[in-house]
N, C-alpha and C. Protein backbone atom coordinates (compact mmCIF):
# COMPACT_ATOMS: atom_id res chain seq x y z
N UNK A 1 23.31 -1.30 16.49
CA UNK A 1 21.99 -1.79 15.88
C UNK A 1 20.99 -1.77 17.11
N UNK A 2 20.94 -3.33 17.93
CA UNK A 2 19.71 -2.83 18.84
C UNK A 2 19.55 -1.67 19.21
N UNK A 3 20.06 -0.73 19.40
CA UNK A 3 19.75 1.46 20.58
C UNK A 3 18.68 1.53 19.54
N UNK A 4 19.07 1.47 18.13
CA UNK A 4 17.88 2.40 17.32
C UNK A 4 16.04 1.29 17.31
N UNK A 5 16.08 -0.09 17.82
CA UNK A 5 14.35 -0.38 17.64
C UNK A 5 14.51 0.11 18.58
N UNK A 6 14.22 1.48 19.70
CA UNK A 6 13.07 1.40 20.33
C UNK A 6 12.77 2.73 19.72
N UNK A 7 14.00 3.40 18.91
CA UNK A 7 13.27 4.32 18.41
C UNK A 7 12.81 4.67 17.30
N UNK A 8 12.77 2.98 16.21
CA UNK A 8 12.14 2.85 15.23
C UNK A 8 10.77 2.38 15.86
N UNK A 9 10.72 1.17 16.92
CA UNK A 9 8.80 1.31 17.25
C UNK A 9 8.14 3.11 17.57
N UNK A 10 9.29 4.00 18.18
CA UNK A 10 8.50 5.20 18.72
C UNK A 10 7.88 5.74 17.27
N UNK A 11 8.34 5.07 16.61
CA UNK A 11 8.11 6.86 15.75
C UNK A 11 6.71 5.60 14.36
N UNK A 12 7.30 4.04 14.57
CA UNK A 12 6.01 3.18 14.08
C UNK A 12 4.33 3.77 13.81
N UNK A 13 4.32 4.49 15.12
CA UNK A 13 2.16 4.31 14.86
C UNK A 13 2.52 5.53 14.90
N UNK A 14 3.33 6.85 14.49
CA UNK A 14 2.88 8.15 13.92
C UNK A 14 2.89 7.44 12.71
N UNK A 15 3.92 7.08 11.85
CA UNK A 15 4.16 6.80 10.38
C UNK A 15 2.81 5.80 9.78
N UNK A 16 2.59 4.92 10.92
CA UNK A 16 1.04 4.16 10.54
C UNK A 16 -0.36 5.07 10.20
N UNK A 17 -0.32 6.07 11.81
CA UNK A 17 -0.82 6.81 10.50
C UNK A 17 -1.21 7.96 10.11
N UNK A 18 -0.24 8.30 9.77
CA UNK A 18 0.37 9.49 8.98
C UNK A 18 0.07 9.18 7.60
N UNK A 19 0.58 7.67 7.35
CA UNK A 19 0.29 7.09 5.43
C UNK A 19 0.30 6.17 5.81
N UNK A 20 -0.25 5.26 6.09
CA UNK A 20 -0.62 3.89 5.93
C UNK A 20 0.74 3.04 6.30
N UNK A 21 1.89 3.68 6.92
CA UNK A 21 2.77 2.35 7.16
C UNK A 21 3.83 1.86 6.33
N UNK A 22 2.92 1.83 5.28
CA UNK A 22 3.55 1.73 3.79
C UNK A 22 5.46 2.01 3.93
N UNK A 23 6.22 3.06 3.60
CA UNK A 23 6.99 3.59 3.23
C UNK A 23 7.94 2.94 4.55
N UNK A 24 7.78 2.63 5.86
CA UNK A 24 8.21 2.85 6.80
C UNK A 24 8.62 0.89 6.00
N UNK A 25 6.99 0.22 6.45
CA UNK A 25 7.68 -1.15 5.81
C UNK A 25 8.91 -1.64 4.59
N UNK A 26 8.12 -0.68 3.71
CA UNK A 26 9.07 -1.39 2.57
C UNK A 26 10.82 -0.56 2.71
N UNK A 27 10.44 0.44 3.23
CA UNK A 27 12.29 1.27 3.49
C UNK A 27 13.37 0.28 5.17
N UNK A 28 12.69 -0.46 6.09
CA UNK A 28 13.00 -0.97 6.94
C UNK A 28 13.12 -2.89 6.41
N UNK A 29 11.96 -2.97 5.13
CA UNK A 29 12.42 -4.37 4.41
C UNK A 29 13.92 -3.94 3.32
N UNK A 30 13.66 -3.02 2.53
CA UNK A 30 14.75 -2.67 1.61
C UNK A 30 16.22 -3.20 2.56
N UNK A 31 16.61 -2.24 2.99
CA UNK A 31 17.60 -2.17 4.10
C UNK A 31 18.30 -3.33 4.69
N UNK A 32 16.60 -4.68 5.20
CA UNK A 32 16.88 -5.58 5.72
C UNK A 32 17.26 -6.55 4.59
N UNK A 33 17.10 -6.61 3.15
CA UNK A 33 17.50 -6.87 2.32
C UNK A 33 18.97 -6.74 1.51
N UNK A 34 19.43 -5.45 2.05
CA UNK A 34 20.50 -4.91 1.72
C UNK A 34 21.33 -5.70 2.16
N UNK A 35 21.40 -5.95 3.55
CA UNK A 35 22.34 -5.60 4.80
C UNK A 35 22.71 -7.54 4.36
N UNK A 36 21.44 -8.10 4.15
CA UNK A 36 21.40 -9.60 3.68
C UNK A 36 22.25 -10.00 3.00
N UNK A 37 21.97 -9.67 1.41
CA UNK A 37 23.16 -9.39 0.37
C UNK A 37 23.80 -9.38 0.92
N UNK A 38 24.55 -8.16 1.30
CA UNK A 38 25.99 -8.24 1.56
C UNK A 38 26.76 -8.80 2.65
N UNK A 39 26.03 -9.37 3.33
CA UNK A 39 26.40 -10.71 4.21
C UNK A 39 27.38 -11.96 3.98
N UNK A 40 25.88 -12.16 2.75
CA UNK A 40 26.24 -13.22 1.56
C UNK A 40 27.27 -13.22 1.27
N UNK A 41 27.66 -12.08 0.03
CA UNK A 41 28.25 -11.52 -0.65
C UNK A 41 29.48 -12.14 -0.22
N UNK A 42 29.62 -11.38 1.05
CA UNK A 42 31.54 -11.40 2.05
C UNK A 42 31.31 -12.60 2.01
N UNK A 43 30.92 -13.56 3.22
CA UNK A 43 31.05 -14.63 2.85
C UNK A 43 30.99 -15.36 2.37
N UNK A 44 31.11 -15.33 0.68
CA UNK A 44 31.04 -16.27 -0.15
C UNK A 44 32.39 -15.87 -0.60
N UNK A 45 32.50 -14.60 -0.84
CA UNK A 45 34.05 -14.20 -1.11
C UNK A 45 35.58 -14.77 -0.05
N UNK A 46 35.07 -14.36 1.33
CA UNK A 46 35.44 -15.22 2.00
C UNK A 46 36.01 -17.32 2.04
N UNK A 47 34.42 -17.35 1.25
CA UNK A 47 34.52 -19.23 1.44
C UNK A 47 35.84 -19.48 0.24
N UNK A 48 35.43 -18.87 -0.53
CA UNK A 48 36.26 -18.72 -1.87
C UNK A 48 37.68 -19.14 -1.59
N UNK A 49 38.12 -17.51 -1.20
CA UNK A 49 39.45 -17.58 -0.72
C UNK A 49 40.40 -18.47 0.28
N UNK A 50 39.47 -18.75 1.43
CA UNK A 50 39.59 -19.57 2.02
C UNK A 50 40.06 -21.09 1.22
N UNK A 51 39.01 -21.12 0.95
CA UNK A 51 38.85 -22.88 -0.73
C UNK A 51 38.30 -22.46 -1.90
N UNK A 52 39.48 -22.24 -2.30
CA UNK A 52 38.76 -21.67 -4.77
C UNK A 52 38.65 -23.28 -5.04
N UNK A 53 38.35 -24.14 -4.32
CA UNK A 53 38.81 -25.11 -5.07
C UNK A 53 37.19 -25.95 -5.07
N UNK A 54 36.14 -24.78 -4.09
CA UNK A 54 35.03 -25.46 -4.01
C UNK A 54 33.71 -23.97 -4.31
N UNK A 55 34.85 -23.14 -5.08
CA UNK A 55 33.77 -22.20 -5.74
C UNK A 55 32.35 -22.35 -6.42
N UNK A 56 32.03 -23.43 -6.73
CA UNK A 56 30.66 -24.21 -7.86
C UNK A 56 30.28 -24.19 -6.87
N UNK A 57 30.38 -24.62 -5.68
CA UNK A 57 28.82 -25.14 -4.56
C UNK A 57 28.84 -23.96 -3.70
N UNK A 58 30.25 -22.76 -3.78
CA UNK A 58 29.65 -22.00 -2.77
C UNK A 58 28.96 -20.80 -3.60
N UNK A 59 29.11 -20.59 -5.15
CA UNK A 59 29.01 -19.73 -6.10
C UNK A 59 26.95 -20.15 -5.85
N UNK A 60 26.92 -20.95 -5.18
CA UNK A 60 25.18 -22.02 -5.98
C UNK A 60 24.28 -21.36 -4.50
N UNK A 61 25.38 -22.03 -3.00
CA UNK A 61 24.63 -21.74 -2.21
C UNK A 61 24.50 -20.05 -2.04
N UNK A 62 25.29 -19.42 -2.57
CA UNK A 62 25.47 -17.67 -2.34
C UNK A 62 24.03 -17.34 -3.14
N UNK A 63 24.07 -17.87 -4.36
CA UNK A 63 22.91 -17.46 -4.85
C UNK A 63 22.08 -17.32 -5.15
N UNK A 64 21.51 -18.72 -3.96
CA UNK A 64 20.60 -19.13 -3.17
C UNK A 64 19.67 -18.09 -2.02
N UNK A 65 21.19 -17.88 -1.42
CA UNK A 65 20.92 -17.31 0.01
C UNK A 65 20.92 -15.49 -0.11
N UNK A 66 21.29 -15.10 -1.89
CA UNK A 66 20.89 -13.53 -2.15
C UNK A 66 19.16 -13.34 -2.60
N UNK A 67 18.76 -14.96 -2.70
CA UNK A 67 17.55 -14.96 -3.68
C UNK A 67 16.39 -14.83 -2.25
N UNK A 68 17.01 -15.57 -1.25
CA UNK A 68 15.81 -15.37 0.05
C UNK A 68 16.28 -13.90 0.34
N UNK A 69 17.33 -13.31 0.09
CA UNK A 69 16.80 -12.10 1.10
C UNK A 69 16.34 -11.00 0.34
N UNK A 70 16.44 -11.10 -1.17
CA UNK A 70 15.32 -10.48 -1.73
C UNK A 70 14.26 -10.68 -2.44
N UNK A 71 13.89 -11.65 -1.45
CA UNK A 71 12.45 -12.58 -1.83
C UNK A 71 11.67 -11.17 -0.85
N UNK A 72 12.68 -11.18 0.47
CA UNK A 72 11.83 -10.22 1.71
C UNK A 72 11.43 -9.16 1.55
N UNK A 73 12.08 -8.06 0.74
CA UNK A 73 11.93 -6.66 0.11
C UNK A 73 10.92 -6.95 -1.25
N UNK A 74 10.54 -8.02 -1.94
CA UNK A 74 9.43 -8.20 -2.29
C UNK A 74 8.15 -8.13 -1.79
N UNK A 75 8.07 -9.24 -0.32
CA UNK A 75 7.43 -9.43 -0.02
C UNK A 75 7.01 -7.96 0.75
N UNK A 76 7.78 -7.42 1.24
CA UNK A 76 7.19 -5.68 1.74
C UNK A 76 6.81 -4.97 0.97
N UNK A 77 7.16 -5.55 -0.49
CA UNK A 77 6.31 -4.56 -1.39
C UNK A 77 5.10 -4.84 -1.79
N UNK A 78 4.79 -5.85 -1.89
CA UNK A 78 3.49 -5.93 -1.67
C UNK A 78 3.08 -5.42 -0.46
N UNK A 79 3.31 -5.84 1.03
CA UNK A 79 2.57 -5.67 1.73
C UNK A 79 2.44 -4.00 1.35
N UNK A 80 3.71 -3.09 0.57
CA UNK A 80 2.97 -1.78 1.21
C UNK A 80 2.13 -1.62 0.18
N UNK A 81 2.12 -2.17 -0.48
CA UNK A 81 0.89 -1.91 -1.75
C UNK A 81 0.15 -2.35 -1.42
N UNK A 82 -0.39 -3.05 -0.34
CA UNK A 82 -1.72 -3.65 0.55
C UNK A 82 -2.13 -2.90 1.92
N UNK A 83 -0.98 -2.02 2.01
CA UNK A 83 -0.99 -1.20 3.19
C UNK A 83 -1.57 0.66 2.68
N UNK A 84 -1.44 0.71 1.56
CA UNK A 84 -1.10 1.55 1.46
C UNK A 84 -2.28 2.42 0.35
N UNK A 85 -3.23 1.87 0.24
CA UNK A 85 -4.40 1.83 -0.38
C UNK A 85 -4.85 3.40 -1.15
């Protein structure tokens, strides 16, 4: 995962000059949000499997975690609209 960061950093100026950087920013934020929601869902499923009686509390915390992860994608969408004049 970390090996791809220099490649993305090298490609960012070219994407920024060509299209304002909006598609790259939106793509990275969408991918990050998808990974975050997947990790929260996986952790919630594991936690319910270990302690089924706490499923109500785990569901609440899981929904909050997914909402926070999706908020990043919405911020990136707003930034993409602002950058893509």
